[in-house]
Amino acid sequence: MSVFRNHKKTDFAKITAEQISMIEYLINSRPRKRHYGRTPYEVTGGALNS
């Protein structure tokens, strides 16, 4: 499942702040090859939470 590939027919005015927070979490908690399997949260030491 891609987090944000199906955006062409999305009315972004209807997306709540809670939904945006969930999407941010899904994106930033996914391990990255460029970070040697670590997530952006792990790389930044949790700085993305603030």
PDB file of N, CA and C in Angstrom:
ATOM      1  N   MET A   1       0.839  -1.187   0.000  1.00  0.00           N
ATOM      2  CA  MET A   1       0.000   0.000   0.000  1.00  0.00           C
ATOM      3  C   MET A   1       0.880   1.245   0.000  1.00  0.00           C
ATOM      4  N   SER A   2       0.632   2.080  -0.925  1.00  0.00           N
ATOM      5  CA  SER A   2       1.330   3.355  -0.938  1.00  0.00           C
ATOM      6  C   SER A   2       0.531   4.368  -0.138  1.00  0.00           C
ATOM      7  N   VAL A   3       1.217   5.143   0.638  1.00  0.00           N
ATOM      8  CA  VAL A   3       0.547   6.088   1.524  1.00  0.00           C
ATOM      9  C   VAL A   3      -0.082   7.236   0.757  1.00  0.00           C
ATOM     10  N   PHE A   4       0.588   7.740  -0.254  1.00  0.00           N
ATOM     11  CA  PHE A   4       0.065   8.930  -0.909  1.00  0.00           C
ATOM     12  C   PHE A   4       0.088   8.862  -2.441  1.00  0.00           C
ATOM     13  N   ARG A   5      -0.095   7.707  -3.015  1.00  0.00           N
ATOM     14  CA  ARG A   5      -0.138   7.593  -4.473  1.00  0.00           C
ATOM     15  C   ARG A   5      -1.531   7.863  -5.030  1.00  0.00           C
ATOM     16  N   ASN A   6      -2.568   7.618  -4.254  1.00  0.00           N
ATOM     17  CA  ASN A   6      -3.938   7.776  -4.732  1.00  0.00           C
ATOM     18  C   ASN A   6      -4.480   9.146  -4.343  1.00  0.00           C
ATOM     19  N   HIS A   7      -3.835  10.201  -4.823  1.00  0.00           N
ATOM     20  CA  HIS A   7      -4.199  11.553  -4.415  1.00  0.00           C
ATOM     21  C   HIS A   7      -4.874  12.374  -5.512  1.00  0.00           C
ATOM     22  N   LYS A   8      -4.968  11.863  -6.708  1.00  0.00           N
ATOM     23  CA  LYS A   8      -5.451  12.664  -7.833  1.00  0.00           C
ATOM     24  C   LYS A   8      -6.905  13.107  -7.687  1.00  0.00           C
ATOM     25  N   LYS A   9      -7.747  12.301  -7.074  1.00  0.00           N
ATOM     26  CA  LYS A   9      -9.153  12.658  -6.920  1.00  0.00           C
ATOM     27  C   LYS A   9      -9.509  12.976  -5.476  1.00  0.00           C
ATOM     28  N   THR A  10      -8.518  13.246  -4.667  1.00  0.00           N
ATOM     29  CA  THR A  10      -8.747  13.539  -3.260  1.00  0.00           C
ATOM     30  C   THR A  10      -9.034  15.018  -3.063  1.00  0.00           C
ATOM     31  N   ASP A  11     -10.091  15.311  -2.334  1.00  0.00           N
ATOM     32  CA  ASP A  11     -10.399  16.692  -1.958  1.00  0.00           C
ATOM     33  C   ASP A  11      -9.682  16.953  -0.636  1.00  0.00           C
ATOM     34  N   PHE A  12      -8.533  17.597  -0.698  1.00  0.00           N
ATOM     35  CA  PHE A  12      -7.712  17.787   0.493  1.00  0.00           C
ATOM     36  C   PHE A  12      -8.365  18.703   1.523  1.00  0.00           C
ATOM     37  N   ALA A  13      -9.370  19.440   1.148  1.00  0.00           N
ATOM     38  CA  ALA A  13     -10.094  20.284   2.103  1.00  0.00           C
ATOM     39  C   ALA A  13     -10.876  19.439   3.110  1.00  0.00           C
ATOM     40  N   LYS A  14     -11.135  18.190   2.752  1.00  0.00           N
ATOM     41  CA  LYS A  14     -11.909  17.304   3.629  1.00  0.00           C
ATOM     42  C   LYS A  14     -11.038  16.446   4.552  1.00  0.00           C
ATOM     43  N   ILE A  15      -9.740  16.571   4.439  1.00  0.00           N
ATOM     44  CA  ILE A  15      -8.832  15.770   5.264  1.00  0.00           C
ATOM     45  C   ILE A  15      -8.640  16.473   6.602  1.00  0.00           C
ATOM     46  N   THR A  16      -8.812  15.720   7.671  1.00  0.00           N
ATOM     47  CA  THR A  16      -8.695  16.292   9.017  1.00  0.00           C
ATOM     48  C   THR A  16      -7.237  16.311   9.471  1.00  0.00           C
ATOM     49  N   ALA A  17      -6.968  17.097  10.484  1.00  0.00           N
ATOM     50  CA  ALA A  17      -5.620  17.159  11.064  1.00  0.00           C
ATOM     51  C   ALA A  17      -5.226  15.797  11.629  1.00  0.00           C
ATOM     52  N   GLU A  18      -6.192  15.064  12.157  1.00  0.00           N
ATOM     53  CA  GLU A  18      -5.930  13.729  12.699  1.00  0.00           C
ATOM     54  C   GLU A  18      -5.490  12.772  11.584  1.00  0.00           C
ATOM     55  N   GLN A  19      -6.119  12.866  10.428  1.00  0.00           N
ATOM     56  CA  GLN A  19      -5.732  12.023   9.299  1.00  0.00           C
ATOM     57  C   GLN A  19      -4.334  12.392   8.797  1.00  0.00           C
ATOM     58  N   ILE A  20      -4.018  13.665   8.771  1.00  0.00           N
ATOM     59  CA  ILE A  20      -2.684  14.104   8.355  1.00  0.00           C
ATOM     60  C   ILE A  20      -1.634  13.572   9.325  1.00  0.00           C
ATOM     61  N   SER A  21      -1.913  13.621  10.612  1.00  0.00           N
ATOM     62  CA  SER A  21      -0.980  13.088  11.615  1.00  0.00           C
ATOM     63  C   SER A  21      -0.750  11.603  11.403  1.00  0.00           C
ATOM     64  N   MET A  22      -1.800  10.867  11.069  1.00  0.00           N
ATOM     65  CA  MET A  22      -1.661   9.426  10.835  1.00  0.00           C
ATOM     66  C   MET A  22      -0.806   9.164   9.597  1.00  0.00           C
ATOM     67  N   ILE A  23      -1.005   9.931   8.542  1.00  0.00           N
ATOM     68  CA  ILE A  23      -0.204   9.774   7.325  1.00  0.00           C
ATOM     69  C   ILE A  23       1.257  10.117   7.598  1.00  0.00           C
ATOM     70  N   GLU A  24       1.501  11.183   8.364  1.00  0.00           N
ATOM     71  CA  GLU A  24       2.875  11.535   8.741  1.00  0.00           C
ATOM     72  C   GLU A  24       3.528  10.397   9.505  1.00  0.00           C
ATOM     73  N   TYR A  25       2.778   9.790  10.427  1.00  0.00           N
ATOM     74  CA  TYR A  25       3.313   8.666  11.194  1.00  0.00           C
ATOM     75  C   TYR A  25       3.662   7.503  10.268  1.00  0.00           C
ATOM     76  N   LEU A  26       2.762   7.170   9.336  1.00  0.00           N
ATOM     77  CA  LEU A  26       3.013   6.057   8.420  1.00  0.00           C
ATOM     78  C   LEU A  26       4.252   6.298   7.563  1.00  0.00           C
ATOM     79  N   ILE A  27       4.416   7.523   7.092  1.00  0.00           N
ATOM     80  CA  ILE A  27       5.579   7.855   6.264  1.00  0.00           C
ATOM     81  C   ILE A  27       6.865   7.807   7.088  1.00  0.00           C
ATOM     82  N   ASN A  28       6.864   8.393   8.262  1.00  0.00           N
ATOM     83  CA  ASN A  28       8.085   8.526   9.058  1.00  0.00           C
ATOM     84  C   ASN A  28       8.436   7.304   9.893  1.00  0.00           C
ATOM     85  N   SER A  29       7.542   6.320   9.950  1.00  0.00           N
ATOM     86  CA  SER A  29       7.859   5.101  10.703  1.00  0.00           C
ATOM     87  C   SER A  29       8.231   3.952   9.777  1.00  0.00           C
ATOM     88  N   ARG A  30       8.329   4.219   8.490  1.00  0.00           N
ATOM     89  CA  ARG A  30       8.706   3.193   7.517  1.00  0.00           C
ATOM     90  C   ARG A  30      10.229   3.161   7.376  1.00  0.00           C
ATOM     91  N   PRO A  31      10.848   1.997   7.527  1.00  0.00           N
ATOM     92  CA  PRO A  31      12.309   1.901   7.380  1.00  0.00           C
ATOM     93  C   PRO A  31      12.764   2.317   5.984  1.00  0.00           C
ATOM     94  N   ARG A  32      13.929   2.954   5.919  1.00  0.00           N
ATOM     95  CA  ARG A  32      14.472   3.428   4.645  1.00  0.00           C
ATOM     96  C   ARG A  32      15.799   2.736   4.345  1.00  0.00           C
ATOM     97  N   LYS A  33      15.977   2.353   3.107  1.00  0.00           N
ATOM     98  CA  LYS A  33      17.219   1.738   2.664  1.00  0.00           C
ATOM     99  C   LYS A  33      18.387   2.707   2.855  1.00  0.00           C
ATOM    100  N   ARG A  34      18.156   3.982   2.538  1.00  0.00           N
ATOM    101  CA  ARG A  34      19.222   4.984   2.650  1.00  0.00           C
ATOM    102  C   ARG A  34      19.667   5.202   4.095  1.00  0.00           C
ATOM    103  N   HIS A  35      18.821   4.826   5.047  1.00  0.00           N
ATOM    104  CA  HIS A  35      19.159   4.948   6.474  1.00  0.00           C
ATOM    105  C   HIS A  35      19.545   3.599   7.068  1.00  0.00           C
ATOM    106  N   TYR A  36      19.905   2.653   6.185  1.00  0.00           N
ATOM    107  CA  TYR A  36      20.337   1.317   6.596  1.00  0.00           C
ATOM    108  C   TYR A  36      19.278   0.614   7.442  1.00  0.00           C
ATOM    109  N   GLY A  37      18.029   0.718   7.009  1.00  0.00           N
ATOM    110  CA  GLY A  37      16.935   0.015   7.668  1.00  0.00           C
ATOM    111  C   GLY A  37      16.328   0.744   8.848  1.00  0.00           C
ATOM    112  N   ARG A  38      16.842   1.926   9.145  1.00  0.00           N
ATOM    113  CA  ARG A  38      16.258   2.701  10.249  1.00  0.00           C
ATOM    114  C   ARG A  38      15.165   3.609   9.709  1.00  0.00           C
ATOM    115  N   THR A  39      14.279   4.014  10.596  1.00  0.00           N
ATOM    116  CA  THR A  39      13.197   4.915  10.214  1.00  0.00           C
ATOM    117  C   THR A  39      13.658   6.361  10.370  1.00  0.00           C
ATOM    118  N   PRO A  40      12.972   7.311   9.713  1.00  0.00           N
ATOM    119  CA  PRO A  40      13.304   8.719   9.921  1.00  0.00           C
ATOM    120  C   PRO A  40      13.211   9.121  11.401  1.00  0.00           C
ATOM    121  N   TYR A  41      12.263   8.530  12.135  1.00  0.00           N
ATOM    122  CA  TYR A  41      12.165   8.817  13.568  1.00  0.00           C
ATOM    123  C   TYR A  41      13.431   8.395  14.305  1.00  0.00           C
ATOM    124  N   GLU A  42      13.977   7.237  13.948  1.00  0.00           N
ATOM    125  CA  GLU A  42      15.196   6.752  14.598  1.00  0.00           C
ATOM    126  C   GLU A  42      16.402   7.611  14.209  1.00  0.00           C
ATOM    127  N   VAL A  43      16.472   8.008  12.966  1.00  0.00           N
ATOM    128  CA  VAL A  43      17.604   8.799  12.479  1.00  0.00           C
ATOM    129  C   VAL A  43      17.651  10.160  13.155  1.00  0.00           C
ATOM    130  N   THR A  44      16.489  10.784  13.343  1.00  0.00           N
ATOM    131  CA  THR A  44      16.448  12.128  13.945  1.00  0.00           C
ATOM    132  C   THR A  44      16.370  12.088  15.479  1.00  0.00           C
ATOM    133  N   GLY A  45      16.372  10.901  16.030  1.00  0.00           N
ATOM    134  CA  GLY A  45      16.293  10.789  17.486  1.00  0.00           C
ATOM    135  C   GLY A  45      14.946  11.230  18.042  1.00  0.00           C
ATOM    136  N   GLY A  46      13.900  11.085  17.241  1.00  0.00           N
ATOM    137  CA  GLY A  46      12.567  11.478  17.694  1.00  0.00           C
ATOM    138  C   GLY A  46      12.255  12.939  17.515  1.00  0.00           C
ATOM    139  N   ALA A  47      13.168  13.694  16.886  1.00  0.00           N
ATOM    140  CA  ALA A  47      12.948  15.130  16.700  1.00  0.00           C
ATOM    141  C   ALA A  47      11.745  15.413  15.804  1.00  0.00           C
ATOM    142  N   LEU A  48      11.326  14.430  15.008  1.00  0.00           N
ATOM    143  CA  LEU A  48      10.178  14.624  14.135  1.00  0.00           C
ATOM    144  C   LEU A  48       8.875  14.696  14.923  1.00  0.00           C
ATOM    145  N   ASN A  49       8.897  14.259  16.175  1.00  0.00           N
ATOM    146  CA  ASN A  49       7.678  14.285  17.003  1.00  0.00           C
ATOM    147  C   ASN A  49       7.320  15.667  17.472  1.00  0.00           C
ATOM    148  N   SER A  50       8.282  16.577  17.480  1.00  0.00           N
ATOM    149  CA  SER A  50       8.001  17.915  18.025  1.00  0.00           C
ATOM    150  C   SER A  50       7.509  18.886  17.008  1.00  0.00           C
TER     151      SER A  50
END
